[in-house]
N, C-alpha and C. Protein backbone atom coordinates (compact mmCIF):
# COMPACT_ATOMS: atom_id res chain seq x y z
N MET A 1 42.10 48.08 -19.98
CA MET A 1 40.78 48.40 -19.49
C MET A 1 39.75 47.58 -20.25
N LYS A 2 38.64 47.34 -19.63
CA LYS A 2 37.54 46.56 -20.20
C LYS A 2 37.08 47.17 -21.53
N SER A 3 36.82 46.31 -22.50
CA SER A 3 36.29 46.81 -23.77
C SER A 3 34.85 47.26 -23.55
N GLY A 4 34.39 48.12 -24.43
CA GLY A 4 33.04 48.64 -24.28
C GLY A 4 32.97 49.87 -23.42
N VAL A 5 34.12 50.39 -22.96
CA VAL A 5 34.14 51.62 -22.18
C VAL A 5 34.48 52.77 -23.12
N LYS A 6 33.63 53.78 -23.13
CA LYS A 6 33.88 54.98 -23.92
C LYS A 6 34.14 56.11 -22.95
N ILE A 7 35.28 56.79 -23.14
CA ILE A 7 35.64 57.92 -22.29
C ILE A 7 35.33 59.20 -23.05
N ILE A 8 34.58 60.07 -22.41
CA ILE A 8 34.24 61.36 -23.01
C ILE A 8 34.82 62.45 -22.11
N GLU A 9 35.55 63.38 -22.73
CA GLU A 9 36.27 64.41 -22.00
C GLU A 9 35.84 65.81 -22.45
N PRO A 10 34.77 66.33 -21.87
CA PRO A 10 34.39 67.70 -22.21
C PRO A 10 35.46 68.69 -21.72
N VAL A 11 35.49 69.86 -22.34
CA VAL A 11 36.51 70.87 -22.01
C VAL A 11 35.83 72.21 -21.74
N GLY A 12 36.35 72.92 -20.75
CA GLY A 12 35.88 74.28 -20.48
C GLY A 12 34.64 74.30 -19.62
N ILE A 13 33.64 75.05 -20.06
CA ILE A 13 32.41 75.22 -19.31
C ILE A 13 31.35 74.26 -19.86
N LEU A 14 30.71 73.53 -18.96
CA LEU A 14 29.61 72.65 -19.36
C LEU A 14 28.31 73.37 -19.02
N ASP A 15 27.73 73.97 -20.05
CA ASP A 15 26.50 74.74 -19.88
C ASP A 15 25.51 74.34 -20.98
N GLY A 16 24.43 75.08 -21.10
CA GLY A 16 23.42 74.75 -22.10
C GLY A 16 23.95 74.76 -23.52
N THR A 17 24.85 75.68 -23.83
CA THR A 17 25.38 75.80 -25.19
C THR A 17 26.30 74.64 -25.53
N LYS A 18 27.34 74.44 -24.73
CA LYS A 18 28.29 73.36 -24.99
C LYS A 18 27.71 72.00 -24.61
N GLY A 19 26.72 72.02 -23.76
CA GLY A 19 26.14 70.78 -23.29
C GLY A 19 25.46 69.96 -24.37
N GLU A 20 24.91 70.62 -25.37
CA GLU A 20 24.25 69.88 -26.44
C GLU A 20 25.23 69.02 -27.22
N THR A 21 26.41 69.56 -27.49
CA THR A 21 27.45 68.77 -28.16
C THR A 21 27.85 67.59 -27.30
N PHE A 22 28.01 67.84 -26.01
CA PHE A 22 28.35 66.79 -25.06
C PHE A 22 27.27 65.71 -25.04
N ARG A 23 26.01 66.13 -24.99
CA ARG A 23 24.89 65.18 -24.99
C ARG A 23 24.94 64.30 -26.24
N GLN A 24 25.18 64.90 -27.38
CA GLN A 24 25.25 64.15 -28.63
C GLN A 24 26.38 63.13 -28.60
N GLN A 25 27.53 63.51 -28.02
CA GLN A 25 28.65 62.57 -27.92
C GLN A 25 28.27 61.35 -27.09
N VAL A 26 27.62 61.58 -25.97
CA VAL A 26 27.22 60.47 -25.10
C VAL A 26 26.19 59.59 -25.80
N TYR A 27 25.19 60.20 -26.41
CA TYR A 27 24.15 59.43 -27.10
C TYR A 27 24.74 58.60 -28.23
N GLU A 28 25.68 59.19 -28.98
CA GLU A 28 26.34 58.44 -30.06
C GLU A 28 27.11 57.25 -29.52
N ALA A 29 27.82 57.45 -28.40
CA ALA A 29 28.58 56.35 -27.80
C ALA A 29 27.64 55.23 -27.38
N LEU A 30 26.51 55.58 -26.79
CA LEU A 30 25.53 54.57 -26.39
C LEU A 30 24.95 53.87 -27.61
N ASP A 31 24.64 54.64 -28.65
CA ASP A 31 24.08 54.06 -29.87
C ASP A 31 25.07 53.14 -30.57
N GLN A 32 26.37 53.41 -30.39
CA GLN A 32 27.41 52.59 -31.02
C GLN A 32 27.78 51.37 -30.18
N GLY A 33 27.09 51.18 -29.06
CA GLY A 33 27.25 49.96 -28.30
C GLY A 33 28.17 50.01 -27.09
N ALA A 34 28.57 51.20 -26.66
CA ALA A 34 29.39 51.28 -25.45
C ALA A 34 28.59 50.75 -24.26
N ASP A 35 29.19 49.86 -23.49
CA ASP A 35 28.53 49.32 -22.29
C ASP A 35 28.63 50.27 -21.12
N THR A 36 29.73 51.03 -21.09
CA THR A 36 30.02 51.93 -19.99
C THR A 36 30.52 53.25 -20.54
N ILE A 37 30.03 54.34 -19.97
CA ILE A 37 30.49 55.67 -20.34
C ILE A 37 31.20 56.26 -19.12
N LEU A 38 32.41 56.74 -19.32
CA LEU A 38 33.13 57.46 -18.28
C LEU A 38 33.23 58.91 -18.72
N ILE A 39 32.65 59.80 -17.93
CA ILE A 39 32.74 61.23 -18.20
C ILE A 39 33.90 61.76 -17.37
N ASP A 40 35.00 62.11 -18.03
CA ASP A 40 36.20 62.61 -17.36
C ASP A 40 36.14 64.14 -17.39
N LEU A 41 35.92 64.74 -16.23
CA LEU A 41 35.73 66.19 -16.14
C LEU A 41 37.00 66.94 -15.78
N LYS A 42 38.16 66.33 -16.00
CA LYS A 42 39.41 66.97 -15.58
C LYS A 42 39.65 68.32 -16.24
N ASP A 43 39.14 68.52 -17.46
CA ASP A 43 39.34 69.78 -18.17
C ASP A 43 38.11 70.68 -18.15
N VAL A 44 37.14 70.35 -17.31
CA VAL A 44 35.94 71.19 -17.17
C VAL A 44 36.18 72.15 -16.01
N THR A 45 36.05 73.44 -16.29
CA THR A 45 36.31 74.45 -15.27
C THR A 45 35.06 74.87 -14.51
N PHE A 46 33.88 74.68 -15.13
CA PHE A 46 32.65 75.14 -14.51
C PHE A 46 31.46 74.37 -15.08
N VAL A 47 30.50 74.04 -14.22
CA VAL A 47 29.25 73.43 -14.65
C VAL A 47 28.12 74.28 -14.08
N ASP A 48 27.20 74.73 -14.95
CA ASP A 48 26.04 75.47 -14.45
C ASP A 48 24.84 74.53 -14.35
N SER A 49 23.69 75.10 -14.01
CA SER A 49 22.50 74.26 -13.82
C SER A 49 22.09 73.55 -15.11
N SER A 50 22.29 74.19 -16.25
CA SER A 50 21.98 73.53 -17.53
C SER A 50 22.91 72.35 -17.77
N GLY A 51 24.19 72.54 -17.45
CA GLY A 51 25.15 71.45 -17.59
C GLY A 51 24.82 70.29 -16.68
N LEU A 52 24.40 70.61 -15.46
CA LEU A 52 24.00 69.57 -14.51
C LEU A 52 22.78 68.82 -15.04
N GLY A 53 21.84 69.56 -15.61
CA GLY A 53 20.66 68.93 -16.19
C GLY A 53 21.01 67.99 -17.33
N ILE A 54 22.00 68.38 -18.12
CA ILE A 54 22.44 67.52 -19.22
C ILE A 54 23.12 66.26 -18.69
N LEU A 55 23.91 66.39 -17.63
CA LEU A 55 24.52 65.21 -17.01
C LEU A 55 23.43 64.24 -16.52
N VAL A 56 22.39 64.78 -15.91
CA VAL A 56 21.28 63.94 -15.44
C VAL A 56 20.58 63.28 -16.64
N ALA A 57 20.38 64.04 -17.71
CA ALA A 57 19.70 63.50 -18.90
C ALA A 57 20.49 62.35 -19.52
N VAL A 58 21.81 62.50 -19.61
CA VAL A 58 22.59 61.42 -20.23
C VAL A 58 22.66 60.20 -19.31
N LEU A 59 22.65 60.44 -17.99
CA LEU A 59 22.60 59.31 -17.05
C LEU A 59 21.28 58.55 -17.22
N LYS A 60 20.18 59.28 -17.32
CA LYS A 60 18.88 58.63 -17.52
C LYS A 60 18.86 57.84 -18.82
N ARG A 61 19.43 58.41 -19.86
CA ARG A 61 19.47 57.71 -21.16
C ARG A 61 20.29 56.43 -21.03
N ALA A 62 21.44 56.51 -20.36
CA ALA A 62 22.28 55.32 -20.16
C ALA A 62 21.52 54.25 -19.40
N ARG A 63 20.84 54.64 -18.35
CA ARG A 63 20.08 53.67 -17.56
C ARG A 63 18.92 53.08 -18.35
N THR A 64 18.30 53.89 -19.19
CA THR A 64 17.18 53.41 -20.01
C THR A 64 17.62 52.28 -20.94
N VAL A 65 18.83 52.40 -21.47
CA VAL A 65 19.34 51.37 -22.39
C VAL A 65 20.21 50.35 -21.64
N GLN A 66 20.11 50.36 -20.30
CA GLN A 66 20.79 49.40 -19.43
C GLN A 66 22.31 49.43 -19.57
N LYS A 67 22.85 50.64 -19.64
CA LYS A 67 24.30 50.86 -19.67
C LYS A 67 24.69 51.60 -18.41
N LYS A 68 25.99 51.69 -18.17
CA LYS A 68 26.48 52.35 -16.96
C LYS A 68 27.19 53.65 -17.32
N MET A 69 27.09 54.63 -16.42
CA MET A 69 27.78 55.89 -16.61
C MET A 69 28.43 56.30 -15.30
N TYR A 70 29.67 56.71 -15.40
CA TYR A 70 30.44 57.15 -14.24
C TYR A 70 31.07 58.50 -14.56
N ILE A 71 31.47 59.20 -13.51
CA ILE A 71 32.13 60.49 -13.65
C ILE A 71 33.43 60.43 -12.87
N CYS A 72 34.47 61.08 -13.39
CA CYS A 72 35.73 61.16 -12.65
C CYS A 72 36.35 62.54 -12.81
N SER A 73 37.31 62.82 -11.94
CA SER A 73 38.17 64.01 -12.01
C SER A 73 37.40 65.32 -11.91
N VAL A 74 36.50 65.41 -10.95
CA VAL A 74 35.75 66.66 -10.78
C VAL A 74 36.56 67.66 -9.95
N ASN A 75 36.44 68.94 -10.30
CA ASN A 75 37.12 69.96 -9.52
C ASN A 75 36.25 70.35 -8.32
N ASP A 76 36.75 71.26 -7.50
CA ASP A 76 36.03 71.62 -6.27
C ASP A 76 34.67 72.25 -6.55
N GLN A 77 34.58 73.09 -7.60
CA GLN A 77 33.30 73.74 -7.92
C GLN A 77 32.26 72.71 -8.31
N VAL A 78 32.64 71.78 -9.14
CA VAL A 78 31.70 70.75 -9.59
C VAL A 78 31.31 69.85 -8.42
N ARG A 79 32.29 69.49 -7.60
CA ARG A 79 31.99 68.65 -6.43
C ARG A 79 30.99 69.36 -5.51
N MET A 80 31.19 70.67 -5.30
CA MET A 80 30.28 71.43 -4.44
C MET A 80 28.88 71.48 -5.06
N LEU A 81 28.80 71.68 -6.37
CA LEU A 81 27.50 71.67 -7.06
C LEU A 81 26.81 70.32 -6.88
N PHE A 82 27.56 69.24 -7.03
CA PHE A 82 27.00 67.90 -6.85
C PHE A 82 26.48 67.72 -5.42
N GLU A 83 27.25 68.19 -4.44
CA GLU A 83 26.84 68.03 -3.05
C GLU A 83 25.62 68.88 -2.72
N LEU A 84 25.60 70.14 -3.17
CA LEU A 84 24.48 71.04 -2.88
C LEU A 84 23.18 70.57 -3.53
N SER A 85 23.30 69.93 -4.67
CA SER A 85 22.11 69.46 -5.39
C SER A 85 21.81 67.98 -5.12
N SER A 86 22.60 67.38 -4.22
CA SER A 86 22.49 65.95 -3.87
C SER A 86 22.76 65.02 -5.05
N MET A 87 23.40 65.54 -6.08
CA MET A 87 23.75 64.71 -7.23
C MET A 87 24.92 63.77 -6.92
N ASP A 88 25.62 64.05 -5.82
CA ASP A 88 26.69 63.14 -5.41
C ASP A 88 26.11 61.80 -4.98
N ARG A 89 24.80 61.75 -4.73
CA ARG A 89 24.13 60.49 -4.41
C ARG A 89 23.58 59.81 -5.66
N VAL A 90 23.50 60.56 -6.74
CA VAL A 90 22.95 60.05 -8.00
C VAL A 90 24.05 59.48 -8.88
N PHE A 91 25.14 60.23 -9.01
CA PHE A 91 26.26 59.81 -9.85
C PHE A 91 27.29 59.05 -9.04
N GLU A 92 27.91 58.07 -9.66
CA GLU A 92 29.06 57.43 -9.03
C GLU A 92 30.29 58.17 -9.53
N VAL A 93 30.98 58.84 -8.61
CA VAL A 93 32.10 59.71 -8.96
C VAL A 93 33.40 59.12 -8.43
N PHE A 94 34.39 59.03 -9.32
CA PHE A 94 35.72 58.55 -8.95
C PHE A 94 36.68 59.73 -8.89
N HIS A 95 37.68 59.60 -8.03
CA HIS A 95 38.67 60.66 -7.88
C HIS A 95 39.36 60.96 -9.21
N ASP A 96 39.77 59.91 -9.92
CA ASP A 96 40.43 60.08 -11.21
C ASP A 96 40.23 58.83 -12.06
N ARG A 97 40.78 58.86 -13.25
CA ARG A 97 40.60 57.74 -14.18
C ARG A 97 41.25 56.47 -13.64
N ALA A 98 42.37 56.60 -12.95
CA ALA A 98 43.06 55.42 -12.40
C ALA A 98 42.17 54.70 -11.38
N GLU A 99 41.48 55.46 -10.54
CA GLU A 99 40.58 54.84 -9.56
C GLU A 99 39.43 54.12 -10.27
N PHE A 100 38.90 54.73 -11.32
CA PHE A 100 37.85 54.09 -12.11
C PHE A 100 38.35 52.77 -12.70
N GLU A 101 39.52 52.80 -13.32
CA GLU A 101 40.07 51.60 -13.95
C GLU A 101 40.30 50.50 -12.92
N HIS A 102 40.80 50.87 -11.75
CA HIS A 102 41.02 49.90 -10.67
C HIS A 102 39.69 49.25 -10.27
N LYS A 103 38.65 50.05 -10.13
CA LYS A 103 37.34 49.53 -9.75
C LYS A 103 36.78 48.59 -10.82
N MET A 104 37.01 48.91 -12.08
CA MET A 104 36.52 48.06 -13.17
C MET A 104 37.26 46.72 -13.19
N VAL A 105 38.55 46.75 -12.92
CA VAL A 105 39.33 45.51 -12.86
C VAL A 105 38.84 44.65 -11.70
N GLU A 106 38.62 45.28 -10.54
CA GLU A 106 38.10 44.54 -9.38
C GLU A 106 36.75 43.90 -9.70
N ALA A 107 35.87 44.66 -10.34
CA ALA A 107 34.54 44.14 -10.68
C ALA A 107 34.63 42.99 -11.67
N ALA A 108 35.55 43.08 -12.61
CA ALA A 108 35.71 42.02 -13.61
C ALA A 108 36.24 40.73 -12.98
N ASN A 109 37.03 40.88 -11.92
CA ASN A 109 37.63 39.71 -11.27
C ASN A 109 36.77 39.16 -10.14
N ALA A 110 35.67 39.82 -9.84
CA ALA A 110 34.82 39.38 -8.72
C ALA A 110 33.95 38.20 -9.11
């Protein structure tokens, strides 16, 4: 996989409490020079409105510093939340990490 990609894998519920730790992880990765952040939600069981707000905040931060952020492996609850809030149009979401890696290889070879 392309260097400069940092994968962050939150676990459990992504809400206001756990979200702060998650936010710090993403900000640290950006500060350490990651070009791309992949948020792998395979082990996240639930995202509430605070968690969604934190995802939006870290995406804005990534864009501010001209980096990319992607999401993969969302469960049905998270997918429904993204669709109901129209966040599926804001975030680029991949089915799984393999699809993300394939897309990155294609982009590198283009």
